[in-house]
């Protein structure tokens, strides 16, 4: 006679993925805007943003990014950048930033003429002498990326 042993059922548990509430961080219109931005960057339309997509997108904006720069951007992602990862990365960058009205009110404090503008020299002085001070080189870099009108605003 053979004894029947009850075999203990061993069920493999599937690895649990961390649930992401990234879609809860944004309203539908914001998600739609992010989707449009994602699609503009995903030049080859494969559903992922890769180094070539970033290069092509930046080139279309008149930039000539180095390989090192592109690698640095790609290294910020923990894996392939699909839309969910793209949204997660934006959520992480935006987490802790102040709402737009708070930022506008902060700038209004320095808009002495209530014109809606801050003169570039005044802004440079504020950025290099108050709070977490910027260097002149950092301010120069910001000015290269930000539009300054002919009046210096």
Protein backbone atom coordinates (compact mmCIF):
# COMPACT_ATOMS: atom_id res chain seq x y z
CA UNK A 1 0.00 0.00 0.00
CA UNK A 2 1.19 3.36 -0.78
CA UNK A 3 0.63 6.12 1.63
CA UNK A 4 -0.83 9.19 0.21
CA UNK A 5 0.78 12.26 1.44
CA UNK A 6 -1.10 15.40 1.21
CA UNK A 7 0.97 17.67 -0.85
CA UNK A 8 1.01 21.15 0.47
CA UNK A 9 -0.12 23.44 -2.22
CA UNK A 10 2.56 25.88 -3.08
CA UNK A 11 1.31 28.85 -4.91
CA UNK A 12 3.72 31.35 -6.21
CA UNK A 13 2.82 34.84 -5.37
CA UNK A 14 3.18 37.29 -8.15
CA UNK A 15 5.41 40.21 -7.32
CA UNK A 16 3.31 43.10 -6.20
CA UNK A 17 3.86 46.33 -8.01
CA UNK A 18 3.71 49.47 -6.01
CA UNK A 19 0.46 51.16 -6.79
CA UNK A 20 0.84 54.60 -8.18
CA UNK A 21 -1.61 57.35 -7.46
CA UNK A 22 0.05 59.58 -10.01
CA UNK A 23 -3.19 59.90 -11.97
CA UNK A 24 -4.89 61.19 -8.81
CA UNK A 25 -2.36 64.02 -8.57
CA UNK A 26 -3.66 65.74 -11.70
CA UNK A 27 -7.08 66.57 -13.08
CA UNK A 28 -8.21 65.26 -16.47
CA UNK A 29 -7.26 68.42 -18.37
CA UNK A 30 -3.74 68.33 -16.91
CA UNK A 31 -3.36 64.66 -17.78
CA UNK A 32 -4.49 65.44 -21.34
CA UNK A 33 -1.88 68.22 -21.59
CA UNK A 34 0.83 65.86 -20.31
CA UNK A 35 -0.31 63.25 -22.85
CA UNK A 36 0.00 65.79 -25.66
CA UNK A 37 3.48 66.74 -24.44
CA UNK A 38 4.45 63.07 -24.20
CA UNK A 39 3.26 62.44 -27.76
CA UNK A 40 5.24 65.44 -29.02
CA UNK A 41 8.42 64.08 -27.41
CA UNK A 42 7.80 60.47 -28.50
CA UNK A 43 8.97 61.24 -32.02
CA UNK A 44 9.01 57.63 -33.27
CA UNK A 45 5.57 56.90 -31.75
CA UNK A 46 6.59 53.66 -30.04
CA UNK A 47 5.01 54.59 -26.70
CA UNK A 48 8.34 55.23 -25.00
CA UNK A 49 10.63 58.24 -24.77
CA UNK A 50 14.23 57.31 -25.47
CA UNK A 51 17.45 59.25 -25.99
CA UNK A 52 16.80 59.67 -29.70
CA UNK A 53 13.33 61.07 -29.04
CA UNK A 54 14.80 63.61 -26.62
CA UNK A 55 17.49 64.56 -29.13
CA UNK A 56 14.99 65.04 -31.95
CA UNK A 57 12.62 67.06 -29.78
CA UNK A 58 15.40 69.35 -28.52
CA UNK A 59 16.79 69.71 -32.05
CA UNK A 60 13.35 70.80 -33.24
CA UNK A 61 13.59 73.58 -30.64
CA UNK A 62 16.92 74.73 -32.05
CA UNK A 63 19.04 73.05 -29.37
CA UNK A 64 22.04 70.83 -30.00
CA UNK A 65 22.20 68.58 -26.91
CA UNK A 66 25.34 66.58 -26.21
CA UNK A 67 25.22 62.84 -25.64
CA UNK A 68 26.26 63.47 -22.04
CA UNK A 69 23.34 65.86 -21.54
CA UNK A 70 20.88 63.35 -23.01
CA UNK A 71 22.30 60.53 -20.89
CA UNK A 72 21.88 62.72 -17.82
CA UNK A 73 18.24 63.32 -18.66
CA UNK A 74 17.59 59.63 -19.29
CA UNK A 75 19.31 58.61 -16.05
CA UNK A 76 16.66 60.47 -14.06
CA UNK A 77 14.18 57.72 -14.96
CA UNK A 78 14.43 54.40 -13.12
CA UNK A 79 13.43 52.53 -16.27
CA UNK A 80 11.84 52.91 -19.70
CA UNK A 81 9.80 56.09 -19.97
CA UNK A 82 6.24 55.25 -20.96
CA UNK A 83 3.39 57.68 -20.30
CA UNK A 84 2.84 56.51 -16.71
CA UNK A 85 6.55 56.92 -15.93
CA UNK A 86 6.52 60.34 -17.63
CA UNK A 87 3.58 61.43 -15.48
CA UNK A 88 5.21 59.99 -12.35
CA UNK A 89 8.42 61.90 -13.03
CA UNK A 90 6.49 65.15 -13.49
CA UNK A 91 4.53 64.42 -10.32
CA UNK A 92 7.77 63.97 -8.39
CA UNK A 93 9.21 67.19 -9.82
CA UNK A 94 6.05 69.14 -9.06
CA UNK A 95 5.50 67.61 -5.64
CA UNK A 96 6.24 70.24 -3.06
CA UNK A 97 6.07 73.14 -5.48
CA UNK A 98 3.78 75.95 -4.55
CA UNK A 99 0.48 76.51 -6.35
CA UNK A 100 0.56 79.05 -9.18
CA UNK A 101 -1.24 81.74 -7.19
CA UNK A 102 1.35 81.53 -4.40
CA UNK A 103 4.17 81.92 -6.92
CA UNK A 104 2.41 84.86 -8.61
CA UNK A 105 1.91 86.56 -5.23
CA UNK A 106 5.59 86.07 -4.39
CA UNK A 107 6.63 87.70 -7.67
CA UNK A 108 4.11 90.51 -7.11
CA UNK A 109 5.99 91.45 -3.94
CA UNK A 110 9.00 92.34 -6.10
CA UNK A 111 6.99 94.03 -8.86
CA UNK A 112 7.35 97.50 -7.37
CA UNK A 113 5.60 99.26 -10.26
CA UNK A 114 2.71 96.75 -10.41
CA UNK A 115 3.44 96.37 -14.12
CA UNK A 116 3.47 92.57 -14.18
CA UNK A 117 7.21 92.63 -14.89
CA UNK A 118 10.44 92.59 -12.90
CA UNK A 119 13.40 94.35 -14.49
CA UNK A 120 16.28 91.99 -15.23
CA UNK A 121 18.81 93.99 -13.17
CA UNK A 122 16.51 94.04 -10.16
CA UNK A 123 15.80 90.32 -10.46
CA UNK A 124 19.55 89.58 -10.75
CA UNK A 125 20.17 91.60 -7.59
CA UNK A 126 17.44 89.71 -5.72
CA UNK A 127 18.62 86.30 -6.91
CA UNK A 128 22.27 86.92 -6.03
CA UNK A 129 21.80 88.63 -2.67
CA UNK A 130 18.76 87.09 -0.95
CA UNK A 131 17.74 83.65 0.28
CA UNK A 132 19.44 80.72 -1.44
CA UNK A 133 21.78 82.89 -3.48
CA UNK A 134 22.45 82.17 -7.14
CA UNK A 135 25.79 82.84 -8.79
CA UNK A 136 26.01 85.30 -11.68
CA UNK A 137 26.66 82.32 -13.97
CA UNK A 138 23.45 80.63 -12.83
CA UNK A 139 21.47 83.83 -13.42
CA UNK A 140 23.07 84.19 -16.87
CA UNK A 141 21.99 80.64 -17.69
CA UNK A 142 18.41 81.38 -16.57
CA UNK A 143 18.33 84.53 -18.68
CA UNK A 144 19.49 82.59 -21.74
CA UNK A 145 16.49 80.28 -21.31
CA UNK A 146 13.92 82.91 -20.27
CA UNK A 147 12.49 85.57 -22.56
CA UNK A 148 13.69 89.06 -21.66
CA UNK A 149 12.20 91.89 -23.67
CA UNK A 150 14.13 94.81 -25.14
CA UNK A 151 13.27 96.92 -22.10
CA UNK A 152 15.05 94.44 -19.83
CA UNK A 153 11.90 92.91 -18.34
